[in-house]
Amino acid sequence: MAEAVKALPQEIKDIIEVHEWDMRTREGIKRFLELKAKSLPSIALDNELVFEAVIPPQEDLIAAIKARYAG
């Protein structure tokens, strides 16, 4: 999932802030529980799970980001 975010066009990366959590750490587990995620991989936008258990096509990920942040 991290690779899908890293592969985004630069103009999209410029409008988002990326945080990645490692599930092998307490912080990662805490974040996973806070988001009420049920499986990995997962992507949340504005603390809302948008993609869970699937790596979205780049077009879908870009559309979800633009719907929230492009202005």
PDB file of N, CA and C in Angstrom:
ATOM      1  N   MET A   1       0.826  -1.186   0.000  1.00  0.00           N
ATOM      2  CA  MET A   1       0.000   0.000   0.000  1.00  0.00           C
ATOM      3  C   MET A   1       0.866   1.244   0.000  1.00  0.00           C
ATOM      4  N   ALA A   2       1.946   1.215   0.741  1.00  0.00           N
ATOM      5  CA  ALA A   2       2.837   2.374   0.784  1.00  0.00           C
ATOM      6  C   ALA A   2       3.391   2.669  -0.598  1.00  0.00           C
ATOM      7  N   GLU A   3       3.641   1.640  -1.375  1.00  0.00           N
ATOM      8  CA  GLU A   3       4.157   1.844  -2.731  1.00  0.00           C
ATOM      9  C   GLU A   3       3.133   2.549  -3.606  1.00  0.00           C
ATOM     10  N   ALA A   4       1.852   2.254  -3.408  1.00  0.00           N
ATOM     11  CA  ALA A   4       0.799   2.916  -4.187  1.00  0.00           C
ATOM     12  C   ALA A   4       0.794   4.411  -3.896  1.00  0.00           C
ATOM     13  N   VAL A   5       1.017   4.778  -2.653  1.00  0.00           N
ATOM     14  CA  VAL A   5       1.054   6.199  -2.274  1.00  0.00           C
ATOM     15  C   VAL A   5       2.338   6.845  -2.796  1.00  0.00           C
ATOM     16  N   LYS A   6       3.452   6.145  -2.681  1.00  0.00           N
ATOM     17  CA  LYS A   6       4.721   6.687  -3.163  1.00  0.00           C
ATOM     18  C   LYS A   6       4.722   6.889  -4.671  1.00  0.00           C
ATOM     19  N   ALA A   7       3.913   6.124  -5.399  1.00  0.00           N
ATOM     20  CA  ALA A   7       3.868   6.216  -6.857  1.00  0.00           C
ATOM     21  C   ALA A   7       2.921   7.304  -7.361  1.00  0.00           C
ATOM     22  N   LEU A   8       2.263   8.010  -6.449  1.00  0.00           N
ATOM     23  CA  LEU A   8       1.339   9.071  -6.871  1.00  0.00           C
ATOM     24  C   LEU A   8       2.091  10.192  -7.580  1.00  0.00           C
ATOM     25  N   PRO A   9       1.410  10.878  -8.507  1.00  0.00           N
ATOM     26  CA  PRO A   9       2.044  12.032  -9.162  1.00  0.00           C
ATOM     27  C   PRO A   9       2.396  13.105  -8.131  1.00  0.00           C
ATOM     28  N   GLN A  10       3.424  13.848  -8.404  1.00  0.00           N
ATOM     29  CA  GLN A  10       3.912  14.862  -7.469  1.00  0.00           C
ATOM     30  C   GLN A  10       2.839  15.887  -7.106  1.00  0.00           C
ATOM     31  N   GLU A  11       1.987  16.279  -8.059  1.00  0.00           N
ATOM     32  CA  GLU A  11       0.959  17.284  -7.750  1.00  0.00           C
ATOM     33  C   GLU A  11      -0.039  16.760  -6.721  1.00  0.00           C
ATOM     34  N   ILE A  12      -0.230  15.459  -6.646  1.00  0.00           N
ATOM     35  CA  ILE A  12      -1.092  14.873  -5.622  1.00  0.00           C
ATOM     36  C   ILE A  12      -0.330  14.792  -4.296  1.00  0.00           C
ATOM     37  N   LYS A  13       0.925  14.379  -4.348  1.00  0.00           N
ATOM     38  CA  LYS A  13       1.736  14.316  -3.127  1.00  0.00           C
ATOM     39  C   LYS A  13       1.841  15.682  -2.463  1.00  0.00           C
ATOM     40  N   ASP A  14       1.802  16.746  -3.257  1.00  0.00           N
ATOM     41  CA  ASP A  14       1.921  18.096  -2.718  1.00  0.00           C
ATOM     42  C   ASP A  14       0.712  18.515  -1.887  1.00  0.00           C
ATOM     43  N   ILE A  15      -0.436  17.861  -2.070  1.00  0.00           N
ATOM     44  CA  ILE A  15      -1.635  18.274  -1.337  1.00  0.00           C
ATOM     45  C   ILE A  15      -1.965  17.344  -0.166  1.00  0.00           C
ATOM     46  N   ILE A  16      -1.146  16.318   0.045  1.00  0.00           N
ATOM     47  CA  ILE A  16      -1.416  15.390   1.145  1.00  0.00           C
ATOM     48  C   ILE A  16      -0.238  15.323   2.103  1.00  0.00           C
ATOM     49  N   GLU A  17      -0.521  14.842   3.278  1.00  0.00           N
ATOM     50  CA  GLU A  17       0.511  14.560   4.277  1.00  0.00           C
ATOM     51  C   GLU A  17       0.432  13.067   4.559  1.00  0.00           C
ATOM     52  N   VAL A  18       1.518  12.372   4.383  1.00  0.00           N
ATOM     53  CA  VAL A  18       1.535  10.921   4.502  1.00  0.00           C
ATOM     54  C   VAL A  18       2.134  10.497   5.840  1.00  0.00           C
ATOM     55  N   HIS A  19       1.434   9.589   6.520  1.00  0.00           N
ATOM     56  CA  HIS A  19       1.937   8.968   7.742  1.00  0.00           C
ATOM     57  C   HIS A  19       1.834   7.467   7.547  1.00  0.00           C
ATOM     58  N   GLU A  20       2.898   6.790   7.852  1.00  0.00           N
ATOM     59  CA  GLU A  20       2.917   5.341   7.715  1.00  0.00           C
ATOM     60  C   GLU A  20       3.224   4.738   9.082  1.00  0.00           C
ATOM     61  N   TRP A  21       2.420   3.744   9.478  1.00  0.00           N
ATOM     62  CA  TRP A  21       2.623   3.100  10.766  1.00  0.00           C
ATOM     63  C   TRP A  21       3.033   1.666  10.561  1.00  0.00           C
ATOM     64  N   ASP A  22       3.937   1.211  11.391  1.00  0.00           N
ATOM     65  CA  ASP A  22       4.432  -0.155  11.362  1.00  0.00           C
ATOM     66  C   ASP A  22       3.626  -0.979  12.354  1.00  0.00           C
ATOM     67  N   MET A  23       2.986  -2.015  11.884  1.00  0.00           N
ATOM     68  CA  MET A  23       2.142  -2.843  12.751  1.00  0.00           C
ATOM     69  C   MET A  23       2.945  -3.658  13.759  1.00  0.00           C
ATOM     70  N   ARG A  24       4.246  -3.592  13.680  1.00  0.00           N
ATOM     71  CA  ARG A  24       5.084  -4.284  14.659  1.00  0.00           C
ATOM     72  C   ARG A  24       5.392  -3.400  15.857  1.00  0.00           C
ATOM     73  N   THR A  25       4.809  -2.187  15.879  1.00  0.00           N
ATOM     74  CA  THR A  25       5.040  -1.265  16.984  1.00  0.00           C
ATOM     75  C   THR A  25       3.731  -0.995  17.722  1.00  0.00           C
ATOM     76  N   ARG A  26       3.851  -0.554  18.960  1.00  0.00           N
ATOM     77  CA  ARG A  26       2.652  -0.192  19.734  1.00  0.00           C
ATOM     78  C   ARG A  26       1.899   0.955  19.062  1.00  0.00           C
ATOM     79  N   GLU A  27       2.648   1.921  18.548  1.00  0.00           N
ATOM     80  CA  GLU A  27       2.010   3.055  17.873  1.00  0.00           C
ATOM     81  C   GLU A  27       1.205   2.585  16.659  1.00  0.00           C
ATOM     82  N   GLY A  28       1.758   1.669  15.895  1.00  0.00           N
ATOM     83  CA  GLY A  28       1.065   1.142  14.722  1.00  0.00           C
ATOM     84  C   GLY A  28      -0.194   0.390  15.093  1.00  0.00           C
ATOM     85  N   ILE A  29      -0.107  -0.429  16.108  1.00  0.00           N
ATOM     86  CA  ILE A  29      -1.277  -1.176  16.570  1.00  0.00           C
ATOM     87  C   ILE A  29      -2.347  -0.226  17.100  1.00  0.00           C
ATOM     88  N   LYS A  30      -1.916   0.780  17.851  1.00  0.00           N
ATOM     89  CA  LYS A  30      -2.855   1.772  18.389  1.00  0.00           C
ATOM     90  C   LYS A  30      -3.597   2.483  17.264  1.00  0.00           C
ATOM     91  N   ARG A  31      -2.859   2.882  16.241  1.00  0.00           N
ATOM     92  CA  ARG A  31      -3.474   3.590  15.109  1.00  0.00           C
ATOM     93  C   ARG A  31      -4.456   2.683  14.367  1.00  0.00           C
ATOM     94  N   PHE A  32      -4.076   1.436  14.176  1.00  0.00           N
ATOM     95  CA  PHE A  32      -4.927   0.449  13.519  1.00  0.00           C
ATOM     96  C   PHE A  32      -6.253   0.319  14.269  1.00  0.00           C
ATOM     97  N   LEU A  33      -6.180   0.241  15.592  1.00  0.00           N
ATOM     98  CA  LEU A  33      -7.383   0.127  16.416  1.00  0.00           C
ATOM     99  C   LEU A  33      -8.207   1.413  16.401  1.00  0.00           C
ATOM    100  N   GLU A  34      -7.542   2.561  16.423  1.00  0.00           N
ATOM    101  CA  GLU A  34      -8.257   3.844  16.376  1.00  0.00           C
ATOM    102  C   GLU A  34      -9.085   3.969  15.104  1.00  0.00           C
ATOM    103  N   LEU A  35      -8.535   3.492  14.000  1.00  0.00           N
ATOM    104  CA  LEU A  35      -9.243   3.575  12.719  1.00  0.00           C
ATOM    105  C   LEU A  35     -10.306   2.488  12.572  1.00  0.00           C
ATOM    106  N   LYS A  36     -10.341   1.573  13.541  1.00  0.00           N
ATOM    107  CA  LYS A  36     -11.263   0.432  13.496  1.00  0.00           C
ATOM    108  C   LYS A  36     -11.058  -0.394  12.234  1.00  0.00           C
ATOM    109  N   ALA A  37      -9.804  -0.489  11.834  1.00  0.00           N
ATOM    110  CA  ALA A  37      -9.465  -1.303  10.673  1.00  0.00           C
ATOM    111  C   ALA A  37      -9.592  -2.767  11.041  1.00  0.00           C
ATOM    112  N   LYS A  38      -9.918  -3.567  10.045  1.00  0.00           N
ATOM    113  CA  LYS A  38     -10.061  -4.994  10.274  1.00  0.00           C
ATOM    114  C   LYS A  38      -8.972  -5.782   9.568  1.00  0.00           C
ATOM    115  N   SER A  39      -8.352  -5.181   8.568  1.00  0.00           N
ATOM    116  CA  SER A  39      -7.312  -5.900   7.840  1.00  0.00           C
ATOM    117  C   SER A  39      -6.353  -4.921   7.178  1.00  0.00           C
ATOM    118  N   LEU A  40      -5.253  -5.483   6.765  1.00  0.00           N
ATOM    119  CA  LEU A  40      -4.227  -4.729   6.055  1.00  0.00           C
ATOM    120  C   LEU A  40      -4.179  -5.222   4.625  1.00  0.00           C
ATOM    121  N   PRO A  41      -3.790  -4.418   3.695  1.00  0.00           N
ATOM    122  CA  PRO A  41      -3.399  -3.023   3.807  1.00  0.00           C
ATOM    123  C   PRO A  41      -4.626  -2.119   3.917  1.00  0.00           C
ATOM    124  N   SER A  42      -4.416  -0.921   4.434  1.00  0.00           N
ATOM    125  CA  SER A  42      -5.491   0.054   4.597  1.00  0.00           C
ATOM    126  C   SER A  42      -4.972   1.459   4.328  1.00  0.00           C
ATOM    127  N   ILE A  43      -5.844   2.298   3.784  1.00  0.00           N
ATOM    128  CA  ILE A  43      -5.538   3.725   3.598  1.00  0.00           C
ATOM    129  C   ILE A  43      -6.683   4.518   4.218  1.00  0.00           C
ATOM    130  N   ALA A  44      -6.320   5.482   5.046  1.00  0.00           N
ATOM    131  CA  ALA A  44      -7.298   6.389   5.645  1.00  0.00           C
ATOM    132  C   ALA A  44      -7.027   7.794   5.135  1.00  0.00           C
ATOM    133  N   LEU A  45      -8.082   8.524   4.895  1.00  0.00           N
ATOM    134  CA  LEU A  45      -8.000   9.938   4.538  1.00  0.00           C
ATOM    135  C   LEU A  45      -8.823  10.701   5.557  1.00  0.00           C
ATOM    136  N   ASP A  46      -8.252  11.695   6.163  1.00  0.00           N
ATOM    137  CA  ASP A  46      -8.925  12.454   7.221  1.00  0.00           C
ATOM    138  C   ASP A  46      -9.475  11.528   8.306  1.00  0.00           C
ATOM    139  N   ASN A  47      -8.673  10.569   8.726  1.00  0.00           N
ATOM    140  CA  ASN A  47      -9.034   9.622   9.784  1.00  0.00           C
ATOM    141  C   ASN A  47     -10.235   8.753   9.450  1.00  0.00           C
ATOM    142  N   GLU A  48     -10.531   8.590   8.171  1.00  0.00           N
ATOM    143  CA  GLU A  48     -11.615   7.725   7.723  1.00  0.00           C
ATOM    144  C   GLU A  48     -11.023   6.658   6.807  1.00  0.00           C
ATOM    145  N   LEU A  49     -11.291   5.394   7.118  1.00  0.00           N
ATOM    146  CA  LEU A  49     -10.813   4.328   6.253  1.00  0.00           C
ATOM    147  C   LEU A  49     -11.489   4.446   4.898  1.00  0.00           C
ATOM    148  N   VAL A  50     -10.683   4.503   3.872  1.00  0.00           N
ATOM    149  CA  VAL A  50     -11.214   4.630   2.515  1.00  0.00           C
ATOM    150  C   VAL A  50     -10.958   3.352   1.724  1.00  0.00           C
ATOM    151  N   PHE A  51      -9.789   2.787   1.899  1.00  0.00           N
ATOM    152  CA  PHE A  51      -9.433   1.539   1.235  1.00  0.00           C
ATOM    153  C   PHE A  51      -8.925   0.572   2.296  1.00  0.00           C
ATOM    154  N   GLU A  52      -9.544  -0.593   2.352  1.00  0.00           N
ATOM    155  CA  GLU A  52      -9.133  -1.590   3.337  1.00  0.00           C
ATOM    156  C   GLU A  52      -9.071  -2.955   2.662  1.00  0.00           C
ATOM    157  N   ALA A  53      -7.977  -3.656   2.903  1.00  0.00           N
ATOM    158  CA  ALA A  53      -7.759  -5.006   2.379  1.00  0.00           C
ATOM    159  C   ALA A  53      -7.642  -5.040   0.859  1.00  0.00           C
ATOM    160  N   VAL A  54      -7.363  -3.888   0.278  1.00  0.00           N
ATOM    161  CA  VAL A  54      -7.201  -3.825  -1.175  1.00  0.00           C
ATOM    162  C   VAL A  54      -6.241  -2.685  -1.510  1.00  0.00           C
ATOM    163  N   ILE A  55      -5.422  -2.899  -2.496  1.00  0.00           N
ATOM    164  CA  ILE A  55      -4.583  -1.817  -3.000  1.00  0.00           C
ATOM    165  C   ILE A  55      -5.347  -1.223  -4.174  1.00  0.00           C
ATOM    166  N   PRO A  56      -5.795   0.020  -4.041  1.00  0.00           N
ATOM    167  CA  PRO A  56      -6.660   0.589  -5.075  1.00  0.00           C
ATOM    168  C   PRO A  56      -5.882   0.917  -6.349  1.00  0.00           C
ATOM    169  N   PRO A  57      -6.588   0.897  -7.483  1.00  0.00           N
ATOM    170  CA  PRO A  57      -5.956   1.410  -8.699  1.00  0.00           C
ATOM    171  C   PRO A  57      -5.574   2.878  -8.467  1.00  0.00           C
ATOM    172  N   GLN A  58      -4.498   3.312  -9.085  1.00  0.00           N
ATOM    173  CA  GLN A  58      -4.012   4.674  -8.869  1.00  0.00           C
ATOM    174  C   GLN A  58      -5.101   5.712  -9.162  1.00  0.00           C
ATOM    175  N   GLU A  59      -5.906   5.476 -10.184  1.00  0.00           N
ATOM    176  CA  GLU A  59      -6.969   6.432 -10.534  1.00  0.00           C
ATOM    177  C   GLU A  59      -7.976   6.570  -9.398  1.00  0.00           C
ATOM    178  N   ASP A  60      -8.317   5.454  -8.743  1.00  0.00           N
ATOM    179  CA  ASP A  60      -9.266   5.499  -7.625  1.00  0.00           C
ATOM    180  C   ASP A  60      -8.677   6.222  -6.423  1.00  0.00           C
ATOM    181  N   LEU A  61      -7.410   5.991  -6.158  1.00  0.00           N
ATOM    182  CA  LEU A  61      -6.740   6.657  -5.044  1.00  0.00           C
ATOM    183  C   LEU A  61      -6.661   8.159  -5.300  1.00  0.00           C
ATOM    184  N   ILE A  62      -6.300   8.542  -6.503  1.00  0.00           N
ATOM    185  CA  ILE A  62      -6.219   9.966  -6.859  1.00  0.00           C
ATOM    186  C   ILE A  62      -7.601  10.619  -6.741  1.00  0.00           C
ATOM    187  N   ALA A  63      -8.634   9.945  -7.229  1.00  0.00           N
ATOM    188  CA  ALA A  63      -9.993  10.498  -7.151  1.00  0.00           C
ATOM    189  C   ALA A  63     -10.421  10.695  -5.702  1.00  0.00           C
ATOM    190  N   ALA A  64     -10.114   9.745  -4.836  1.00  0.00           N
ATOM    191  CA  ALA A  64     -10.479   9.862  -3.420  1.00  0.00           C
ATOM    192  C   ALA A  64      -9.741  11.022  -2.763  1.00  0.00           C
ATOM    193  N   ILE A  65      -8.482  11.189  -3.102  1.00  0.00           N
ATOM    194  CA  ILE A  65      -7.699  12.304  -2.543  1.00  0.00           C
ATOM    195  C   ILE A  65      -8.234  13.633  -3.042  1.00  0.00           C
ATOM    196  N   LYS A  66      -8.465  13.742  -4.337  1.00  0.00           N
ATOM    197  CA  LYS A  66      -8.964  14.999  -4.902  1.00  0.00           C
ATOM    198  C   LYS A  66     -10.327  15.362  -4.337  1.00  0.00           C
ATOM    199  N   ALA A  67     -11.160  14.370  -4.092  1.00  0.00           N
ATOM    200  CA  ALA A  67     -12.496  14.631  -3.547  1.00  0.00           C
ATOM    201  C   ALA A  67     -12.412  15.271  -2.160  1.00  0.00           C
ATOM    202  N   ARG A  68     -11.345  14.979  -1.432  1.00  0.00           N
ATOM    203  CA  ARG A  68     -11.200  15.541  -0.077  1.00  0.00           C
ATOM    204  C   ARG A  68     -10.325  16.784  -0.010  1.00  0.00           C
ATOM    205  N   TYR A  69      -9.300  16.851  -0.822  1.00  0.00           N
ATOM    206  CA  TYR A  69      -8.292  17.885  -0.630  1.00  0.00           C
ATOM    207  C   TYR A  69      -8.143  18.918  -1.739  1.00  0.00           C
ATOM    208  N   ALA A  70      -8.502  18.579  -2.949  1.00  0.00           N
ATOM    209  CA  ALA A  70      -8.317  19.547  -4.030  1.00  0.00           C
ATOM    210  C   ALA A  70      -9.329  20.665  -3.857  1.00  0.00           C
ATOM    211  N   GLY A  71      -8.844  21.841  -3.971  1.00  0.00           N
ATOM    212  CA  GLY A  71      -9.773  22.918  -3.719  1.00  0.00           C
ATOM    213  C   GLY A  71      -9.413  24.115  -4.446  1.00  0.00           C
TER     214      GLY A  71
END
